[in-house]
Amino acid sequence: MVWNCVWGKAWLDARDSDPAAAEHALTMYAAILERPEFKQHFDPESAQPVVRGIIEDARLGDPSGVQQDVSVNCSDQDS
C-alpha cells in the first residue's frame, strides 16, 4: 500500500500542473493491478472491482477515488 500511497499522492499533486509527471504517476499507481499481492489479497468480487474503478475513473480525469483512497489508506504515510 505504501507504493500506491506514494504514486496516488504524486498523481494528485501533478495532475493539474505537470501532465507528463501525472501520467507517469497514474501508470505507476495502476501497476497494482498486475501485482501478485493484488490478485492474492484483494477480494476478486468486492475489492478488485473497486480498485479497477478508481483507476479507470482517474484515467478519465476524475480524482475523487484516488483522493479517497489516499485520504483513507495513507494518512500515516509520509509524503
PDB file of N, CA and C in Angstrom:
ATOM      1  N   MET A   1       0.815  -1.205   0.000  1.00  0.00           N
ATOM      2  CA  MET A   1       0.000   0.000   0.000  1.00  0.00           C
ATOM      3  C   MET A   1       0.853   1.262   0.000  1.00  0.00           C
ATOM      4  N   VAL A   2       2.057   1.164   0.558  1.00  0.00           N
ATOM      5  CA  VAL A   2       2.938   2.332   0.551  1.00  0.00           C
ATOM      6  C   VAL A   2       3.180   2.791  -0.886  1.00  0.00           C
ATOM      7  N   TRP A   3       3.396   1.823  -1.784  1.00  0.00           N
ATOM      8  CA  TRP A   3       3.606   2.118  -3.210  1.00  0.00           C
ATOM      9  C   TRP A   3       2.454   2.960  -3.748  1.00  0.00           C
ATOM     10  N   ASN A   4       1.230   2.510  -3.524  1.00  0.00           N
ATOM     11  CA  ASN A   4       0.080   3.239  -4.052  1.00  0.00           C
ATOM     12  C   ASN A   4      -0.134   4.569  -3.351  1.00  0.00           C
ATOM     13  N   CYS A   5       0.218   4.652  -2.099  1.00  0.00           N
ATOM     14  CA  CYS A   5       0.119   5.939  -1.402  1.00  0.00           C
ATOM     15  C   CYS A   5       1.036   6.961  -2.065  1.00  0.00           C
ATOM     16  N   VAL A   6       2.276   6.571  -2.294  1.00  0.00           N
ATOM     17  CA  VAL A   6       3.241   7.485  -2.903  1.00  0.00           C
ATOM     18  C   VAL A   6       2.780   7.904  -4.294  1.00  0.00           C
ATOM     19  N   TRP A   7       2.396   6.934  -5.136  1.00  0.00           N
ATOM     20  CA  TRP A   7       2.016   7.266  -6.510  1.00  0.00           C
ATOM     21  C   TRP A   7       0.657   7.948  -6.583  1.00  0.00           C
ATOM     22  N   GLY A   8      -0.259   7.602  -5.707  1.00  0.00           N
ATOM     23  CA  GLY A   8      -1.544   8.301  -5.668  1.00  0.00           C
ATOM     24  C   GLY A   8      -1.367   9.758  -5.303  1.00  0.00           C
ATOM     25  N   LYS A   9      -0.560  10.024  -4.285  1.00  0.00           N
ATOM     26  CA  LYS A   9      -0.274  11.413  -3.896  1.00  0.00           C
ATOM     27  C   LYS A   9       0.436  12.145  -5.026  1.00  0.00           C
ATOM     28  N   ALA A  10       1.392  11.484  -5.676  1.00  0.00           N
ATOM     29  CA  ALA A  10       2.122  12.116  -6.776  1.00  0.00           C
ATOM     30  C   ALA A  10       1.170  12.497  -7.908  1.00  0.00           C
ATOM     31  N   TRP A  11       0.228  11.598  -8.232  1.00  0.00           N
ATOM     32  CA  TRP A  11      -0.734  11.900  -9.287  1.00  0.00           C
ATOM     33  C   TRP A  11      -1.616  13.081  -8.899  1.00  0.00           C
ATOM     34  N   LEU A  12      -2.120  13.057  -7.679  1.00  0.00           N
ATOM     35  CA  LEU A  12      -2.971  14.159  -7.224  1.00  0.00           C
ATOM     36  C   LEU A  12      -2.224  15.485  -7.258  1.00  0.00           C
ATOM     37  N   ASP A  13      -0.957  15.476  -6.870  1.00  0.00           N
ATOM     38  CA  ASP A  13      -0.161  16.709  -6.849  1.00  0.00           C
ATOM     39  C   ASP A  13       0.151  17.219  -8.253  1.00  0.00           C
ATOM     40  N   ALA A  14       0.349  16.302  -9.207  1.00  0.00           N
ATOM     41  CA  ALA A  14       0.807  16.697 -10.537  1.00  0.00           C
ATOM     42  C   ALA A  14      -0.304  16.853 -11.560  1.00  0.00           C
ATOM     43  N   ARG A  15      -1.473  16.349 -11.291  1.00  0.00           N
ATOM     44  CA  ARG A  15      -2.487  16.240 -12.346  1.00  0.00           C
ATOM     45  C   ARG A  15      -2.906  17.583 -12.957  1.00  0.00           C
ATOM     46  N   ASP A  16      -2.836  18.659 -12.196  1.00  0.00           N
ATOM     47  CA  ASP A  16      -3.229  19.959 -12.740  1.00  0.00           C
ATOM     48  C   ASP A  16      -2.050  20.803 -13.202  1.00  0.00           C
ATOM     49  N   SER A  17      -0.834  20.359 -12.910  1.00  0.00           N
ATOM     50  CA  SER A  17       0.318  21.208 -13.204  1.00  0.00           C
ATOM     51  C   SER A  17       1.375  20.577 -14.108  1.00  0.00           C
ATOM     52  N   ASP A  18       1.463  19.260 -14.137  1.00  0.00           N
ATOM     53  CA  ASP A  18       2.517  18.594 -14.904  1.00  0.00           C
ATOM     54  C   ASP A  18       1.955  17.317 -15.527  1.00  0.00           C
ATOM     55  N   PRO A  19       1.376  17.437 -16.715  1.00  0.00           N
ATOM     56  CA  PRO A  19       0.722  16.281 -17.334  1.00  0.00           C
ATOM     57  C   PRO A  19       1.624  15.061 -17.503  1.00  0.00           C
ATOM     58  N   ALA A  20       2.876  15.258 -17.854  1.00  0.00           N
ATOM     59  CA  ALA A  20       3.781  14.112 -18.041  1.00  0.00           C
ATOM     60  C   ALA A  20       4.033  13.403 -16.720  1.00  0.00           C
ATOM     61  N   ALA A  21       4.285  14.163 -15.673  1.00  0.00           N
ATOM     62  CA  ALA A  21       4.502  13.562 -14.350  1.00  0.00           C
ATOM     63  C   ALA A  21       3.228  12.885 -13.857  1.00  0.00           C
ATOM     64  N   ALA A  22       2.091  13.505 -14.126  1.00  0.00           N
ATOM     65  CA  ALA A  22       0.816  12.920 -13.709  1.00  0.00           C
ATOM     66  C   ALA A  22       0.564  11.603 -14.424  1.00  0.00           C
ATOM     67  N   GLU A  23       0.835  11.566 -15.727  1.00  0.00           N
ATOM     68  CA  GLU A  23       0.641  10.331 -16.489  1.00  0.00           C
ATOM     69  C   GLU A  23       1.529   9.213 -15.945  1.00  0.00           C
ATOM     70  N   HIS A  24       2.775   9.546 -15.668  1.00  0.00           N
ATOM     71  CA  HIS A  24       3.700   8.547 -15.110  1.00  0.00           C
ATOM     72  C   HIS A  24       3.210   8.062 -13.745  1.00  0.00           C
ATOM     73  N   ALA A  25       2.807   8.986 -12.895  1.00  0.00           N
ATOM     74  CA  ALA A  25       2.345   8.624 -11.554  1.00  0.00           C
ATOM     75  C   ALA A  25       1.112   7.727 -11.625  1.00  0.00           C
ATOM     76  N   LEU A  26       0.184   8.034 -12.519  1.00  0.00           N
ATOM     77  CA  LEU A  26      -1.020   7.213 -12.640  1.00  0.00           C
ATOM     78  C   LEU A  26      -0.686   5.830 -13.189  1.00  0.00           C
ATOM     79  N   THR A  27       0.243   5.768 -14.115  1.00  0.00           N
ATOM     80  CA  THR A  27       0.689   4.462 -14.623  1.00  0.00           C
ATOM     81  C   THR A  27       1.275   3.625 -13.497  1.00  0.00           C
ATOM     82  N   MET A  28       2.065   4.251 -12.670  1.00  0.00           N
ATOM     83  CA  MET A  28       2.671   3.534 -11.545  1.00  0.00           C
ATOM     84  C   MET A  28       1.600   3.138 -10.525  1.00  0.00           C
ATOM     85  N   TYR A  29       0.669   4.017 -10.245  1.00  0.00           N
ATOM     86  CA  TYR A  29      -0.439   3.727  -9.322  1.00  0.00           C
ATOM     87  C   TYR A  29      -1.244   2.535  -9.843  1.00  0.00           C
ATOM     88  N   ALA A  30      -1.516   2.528 -11.141  1.00  0.00           N
ATOM     89  CA  ALA A  30      -2.317   1.460 -11.749  1.00  0.00           C
ATOM     90  C   ALA A  30      -1.570   0.133 -11.821  1.00  0.00           C
ATOM     91  N   ALA A  31      -0.267   0.167 -11.646  1.00  0.00           N
ATOM     92  CA  ALA A  31       0.529  -1.063 -11.712  1.00  0.00           C
ATOM     93  C   ALA A  31       0.129  -2.071 -10.638  1.00  0.00           C
ATOM     94  N   ILE A  32      -0.600  -1.627  -9.627  1.00  0.00           N
ATOM     95  CA  ILE A  32      -1.066  -2.556  -8.587  1.00  0.00           C
ATOM     96  C   ILE A  32      -1.908  -3.676  -9.206  1.00  0.00           C
ATOM     97  N   LEU A  33      -2.576  -3.382 -10.297  1.00  0.00           N
ATOM     98  CA  LEU A  33      -3.448  -4.382 -10.918  1.00  0.00           C
ATOM     99  C   LEU A  33      -2.678  -5.612 -11.381  1.00  0.00           C
ATOM    100  N   GLU A  34      -1.401  -5.464 -11.630  1.00  0.00           N
ATOM    101  CA  GLU A  34      -0.570  -6.571 -12.099  1.00  0.00           C
ATOM    102  C   GLU A  34       0.229  -7.240 -10.984  1.00  0.00           C
ATOM    103  N   ARG A  35       0.145  -6.715  -9.799  1.00  0.00           N
ATOM    104  CA  ARG A  35       0.921  -7.246  -8.677  1.00  0.00           C
ATOM    105  C   ARG A  35       0.284  -8.527  -8.138  1.00  0.00           C
ATOM    106  N   PRO A  36       1.112  -9.523  -7.795  1.00  0.00           N
ATOM    107  CA  PRO A  36       0.557 -10.748  -7.217  1.00  0.00           C
ATOM    108  C   PRO A  36      -0.187 -10.486  -5.909  1.00  0.00           C
ATOM    109  N   GLU A  37       0.249  -9.476  -5.169  1.00  0.00           N
ATOM    110  CA  GLU A  37      -0.429  -9.153  -3.904  1.00  0.00           C
ATOM    111  C   GLU A  37      -1.868  -8.723  -4.150  1.00  0.00           C
ATOM    112  N   PHE A  38      -2.079  -7.976  -5.227  1.00  0.00           N
ATOM    113  CA  PHE A  38      -3.430  -7.536  -5.567  1.00  0.00           C
ATOM    114  C   PHE A  38      -4.299  -8.744  -5.880  1.00  0.00           C
ATOM    115  N   LYS A  39      -3.768  -9.643  -6.678  1.00  0.00           N
ATOM    116  CA  LYS A  39      -4.537 -10.815  -7.092  1.00  0.00           C
ATOM    117  C   LYS A  39      -4.789 -11.780  -5.935  1.00  0.00           C
ATOM    118  N   GLN A  40      -3.867 -11.828  -4.985  1.00  0.00           N
ATOM    119  CA  GLN A  40      -3.983 -12.765  -3.868  1.00  0.00           C
ATOM    120  C   GLN A  40      -4.746 -12.207  -2.670  1.00  0.00           C
ATOM    121  N   HIS A  41      -4.614 -10.908  -2.410  1.00  0.00           N
ATOM    122  CA  HIS A  41      -5.125 -10.359  -1.157  1.00  0.00           C
ATOM    123  C   HIS A  41      -6.303  -9.405  -1.301  1.00  0.00           C
ATOM    124  N   PHE A  42      -6.675  -9.069  -2.512  1.00  0.00           N
ATOM    125  CA  PHE A  42      -7.839  -8.220  -2.719  1.00  0.00           C
ATOM    126  C   PHE A  42      -8.961  -9.104  -3.254  1.00  0.00           C
ATOM    127  N   ASP A  43     -10.069  -9.130  -2.544  1.00  0.00           N
ATOM    128  CA  ASP A  43     -11.179  -9.988  -2.930  1.00  0.00           C
ATOM    129  C   ASP A  43     -11.608  -9.706  -4.371  1.00  0.00           C
ATOM    130  N   PRO A  44     -11.671 -10.746  -5.212  1.00  0.00           N
ATOM    131  CA  PRO A  44     -11.992 -10.536  -6.625  1.00  0.00           C
ATOM    132  C   PRO A  44     -13.421 -10.062  -6.885  1.00  0.00           C
ATOM    133  N   GLU A  45     -14.309 -10.260  -5.931  1.00  0.00           N
ATOM    134  CA  GLU A  45     -15.698  -9.842  -6.146  1.00  0.00           C
ATOM    135  C   GLU A  45     -16.027  -8.500  -5.516  1.00  0.00           C
ATOM    136  N   SER A  46     -15.282  -8.107  -4.494  1.00  0.00           N
ATOM    137  CA  SER A  46     -15.608  -6.835  -3.849  1.00  0.00           C
ATOM    138  C   SER A  46     -14.493  -5.799  -3.992  1.00  0.00           C
ATOM    139  N   ALA A  47     -13.286  -6.130  -3.612  1.00  0.00           N
ATOM    140  CA  ALA A  47     -12.207  -5.137  -3.590  1.00  0.00           C
ATOM    141  C   ALA A  47     -11.599  -4.876  -4.970  1.00  0.00           C
ATOM    142  N   GLN A  48     -11.363  -5.910  -5.738  1.00  0.00           N
ATOM    143  CA  GLN A  48     -10.723  -5.711  -7.040  1.00  0.00           C
ATOM    144  C   GLN A  48     -11.536  -4.799  -7.965  1.00  0.00           C
ATOM    145  N   PRO A  49     -12.848  -4.977  -8.077  1.00  0.00           N
ATOM    146  CA  PRO A  49     -13.610  -4.062  -8.940  1.00  0.00           C
ATOM    147  C   PRO A  49     -13.559  -2.602  -8.463  1.00  0.00           C
ATOM    148  N   VAL A  50     -13.508  -2.406  -7.157  1.00  0.00           N
ATOM    149  CA  VAL A  50     -13.428  -1.039  -6.624  1.00  0.00           C
ATOM    150  C   VAL A  50     -12.123  -0.390  -7.060  1.00  0.00           C
ATOM    151  N   VAL A  51     -11.023  -1.105  -6.898  1.00  0.00           N
ATOM    152  CA  VAL A  51      -9.713  -0.563  -7.274  1.00  0.00           C
ATOM    153  C   VAL A  51      -9.667  -0.305  -8.775  1.00  0.00           C
ATOM    154  N   ARG A  52     -10.160  -1.235  -9.554  1.00  0.00           N
ATOM    155  CA  ARG A  52     -10.189  -1.033 -11.014  1.00  0.00           C
ATOM    156  C   ARG A  52     -11.027   0.202 -11.374  1.00  0.00           C
ATOM    157  N   GLY A  53     -12.137   0.380 -10.687  1.00  0.00           N
ATOM    158  CA  GLY A  53     -12.992   1.545 -10.934  1.00  0.00           C
ATOM    159  C   GLY A  53     -12.304   2.851 -10.579  1.00  0.00           C
ATOM    160  N   ILE A  54     -11.582   2.867  -9.475  1.00  0.00           N
ATOM    161  CA  ILE A  54     -10.836   4.065  -9.080  1.00  0.00           C
ATOM    162  C   ILE A  54      -9.825   4.428 -10.162  1.00  0.00           C
ATOM    163  N   ILE A  55      -9.119   3.423 -10.654  1.00  0.00           N
ATOM    164  CA  ILE A  55      -8.101   3.662 -11.677  1.00  0.00           C
ATOM    165  C   ILE A  55      -8.742   4.116 -12.983  1.00  0.00           C
ATOM    166  N   GLU A  56      -9.813   3.478 -13.395  1.00  0.00           N
ATOM    167  CA  GLU A  56     -10.488   3.868 -14.630  1.00  0.00           C
ATOM    168  C   GLU A  56     -11.018   5.298 -14.525  1.00  0.00           C
ATOM    169  N   ASP A  57     -11.635   5.634 -13.403  1.00  0.00           N
ATOM    170  CA  ASP A  57     -12.132   6.995 -13.210  1.00  0.00           C
ATOM    171  C   ASP A  57     -10.981   8.007 -13.269  1.00  0.00           C
ATOM    172  N   ALA A  58      -9.854   7.664 -12.654  1.00  0.00           N
ATOM    173  CA  ALA A  58      -8.690   8.557 -12.682  1.00  0.00           C
ATOM    174  C   ALA A  58      -8.197   8.741 -14.110  1.00  0.00           C
ATOM    175  N   ARG A  59      -8.175   7.675 -14.870  1.00  0.00           N
ATOM    176  CA  ARG A  59      -7.756   7.772 -16.277  1.00  0.00           C
ATOM    177  C   ARG A  59      -8.685   8.677 -17.078  1.00  0.00           C
ATOM    178  N   LEU A  60      -9.927   8.756 -16.648  1.00  0.00           N
ATOM    179  CA  LEU A  60     -10.907   9.628 -17.312  1.00  0.00           C
ATOM    180  C   LEU A  60     -10.909  11.040 -16.728  1.00  0.00           C
ATOM    181  N   GLY A  61     -10.030  11.294 -15.750  1.00  0.00           N
ATOM    182  CA  GLY A  61      -9.895  12.637 -15.192  1.00  0.00           C
ATOM    183  C   GLY A  61     -10.577  12.875 -13.862  1.00  0.00           C
ATOM    184  N   ASP A  62     -11.196  11.871 -13.289  1.00  0.00           N
ATOM    185  CA  ASP A  62     -11.900  12.025 -12.010  1.00  0.00           C
ATOM    186  C   ASP A  62     -10.969  11.641 -10.861  1.00  0.00           C
ATOM    187  N   PRO A  63     -10.530  12.598 -10.055  1.00  0.00           N
ATOM    188  CA  PRO A  63      -9.597  12.303  -8.975  1.00  0.00           C
ATOM    189  C   PRO A  63     -10.244  11.809  -7.684  1.00  0.00           C
ATOM    190  N   SER A  64     -11.568  11.760  -7.624  1.00  0.00           N
ATOM    191  CA  SER A  64     -12.242  11.508  -6.342  1.00  0.00           C
ATOM    192  C   SER A  64     -11.892  10.161  -5.721  1.00  0.00           C
ATOM    193  N   GLY A  65     -11.787   9.115  -6.518  1.00  0.00           N
ATOM    194  CA  GLY A  65     -11.461   7.802  -5.971  1.00  0.00           C
ATOM    195  C   GLY A  65     -10.048   7.721  -5.451  1.00  0.00           C
ATOM    196  N   VAL A  66      -9.101   8.286  -6.197  1.00  0.00           N
ATOM    197  CA  VAL A  66      -7.712   8.297  -5.723  1.00  0.00           C
ATOM    198  C   VAL A  66      -7.617   9.148  -4.467  1.00  0.00           C
ATOM    199  N   GLN A  67      -8.307  10.288  -4.455  1.00  0.00           N
ATOM    200  CA  GLN A  67      -8.272  11.152  -3.275  1.00  0.00           C
ATOM    201  C   GLN A  67      -8.825  10.419  -2.059  1.00  0.00           C
ATOM    202  N   GLN A  68      -9.924   9.708  -2.233  1.00  0.00           N
ATOM    203  CA  GLN A  68     -10.500   8.965  -1.122  1.00  0.00           C
ATOM    204  C   GLN A  68      -9.552   7.852  -0.674  1.00  0.00           C
ATOM    205  N   ASP A  69      -8.967   7.136  -1.619  1.00  0.00           N
ATOM    206  CA  ASP A  69      -8.013   6.073  -1.297  1.00  0.00           C
ATOM    207  C   ASP A  69      -6.855   6.629  -0.485  1.00  0.00           C
ATOM    208  N   VAL A  70      -6.281   7.732  -0.955  1.00  0.00           N
ATOM    209  CA  VAL A  70      -5.151   8.343  -0.258  1.00  0.00           C
ATOM    210  C   VAL A  70      -5.580   8.840   1.123  1.00  0.00           C
ATOM    211  N   SER A  71      -6.733   9.477   1.204  1.00  0.00           N
ATOM    212  CA  SER A  71      -7.197  10.006   2.490  1.00  0.00           C
ATOM    213  C   SER A  71      -7.433   8.906   3.517  1.00  0.00           C
ATOM    214  N   VAL A  72      -8.014   7.791   3.064  1.00  0.00           N
ATOM    215  CA  VAL A  72      -8.357   6.698   3.983  1.00  0.00           C
ATOM    216  C   VAL A  72      -7.157   5.814   4.305  1.00  0.00           C
ATOM    217  N   ASN A  73      -6.350   5.510   3.302  1.00  0.00           N
ATOM    218  CA  ASN A  73      -5.313   4.498   3.477  1.00  0.00           C
ATOM    219  C   ASN A  73      -3.904   5.045   3.670  1.00  0.00           C
ATOM    220  N   CYS A  74      -3.720   6.337   3.507  1.00  0.00           N
ATOM    221  CA  CYS A  74      -2.355   6.854   3.512  1.00  0.00           C
ATOM    222  C   CYS A  74      -2.136   7.934   4.567  1.00  0.00           C
ATOM    223  N   SER A  75      -3.044   8.095   5.467  1.00  0.00           N
ATOM    224  CA  SER A  75      -2.916   9.185   6.443  1.00  0.00           C
ATOM    225  C   SER A  75      -1.674   9.050   7.320  1.00  0.00           C
ATOM    226  N   ASP A  76      -1.184   7.829   7.498  1.00  0.00           N
ATOM    227  CA  ASP A  76       0.010   7.659   8.334  1.00  0.00           C
ATOM    228  C   ASP A  76       1.287   7.551   7.516  1.00  0.00           C
ATOM    229  N   GLN A  77       1.199   7.801   6.209  1.00  0.00           N
ATOM    230  CA  GLN A  77       2.365   7.736   5.329  1.00  0.00           C
ATOM    231  C   GLN A  77       2.960   9.125   5.164  1.00  0.00           C
ATOM    232  N   ASP A  78       4.258   9.190   5.081  1.00  0.00           N
ATOM    233  CA  ASP A  78       4.928  10.456   4.771  1.00  0.00           C
ATOM    234  C   ASP A  78       4.763  10.764   3.310  1.00  0.00           C
ATOM    235  N   SER A  79       4.690  12.046   2.952  1.00  0.00           N
ATOM    236  CA  SER A  79       4.569  12.447   1.541  1.00  0.00           C
ATOM    237  C   SER A  79       5.876  12.299   0.827  1.00  0.00           C
TER     238      SER A  79
END
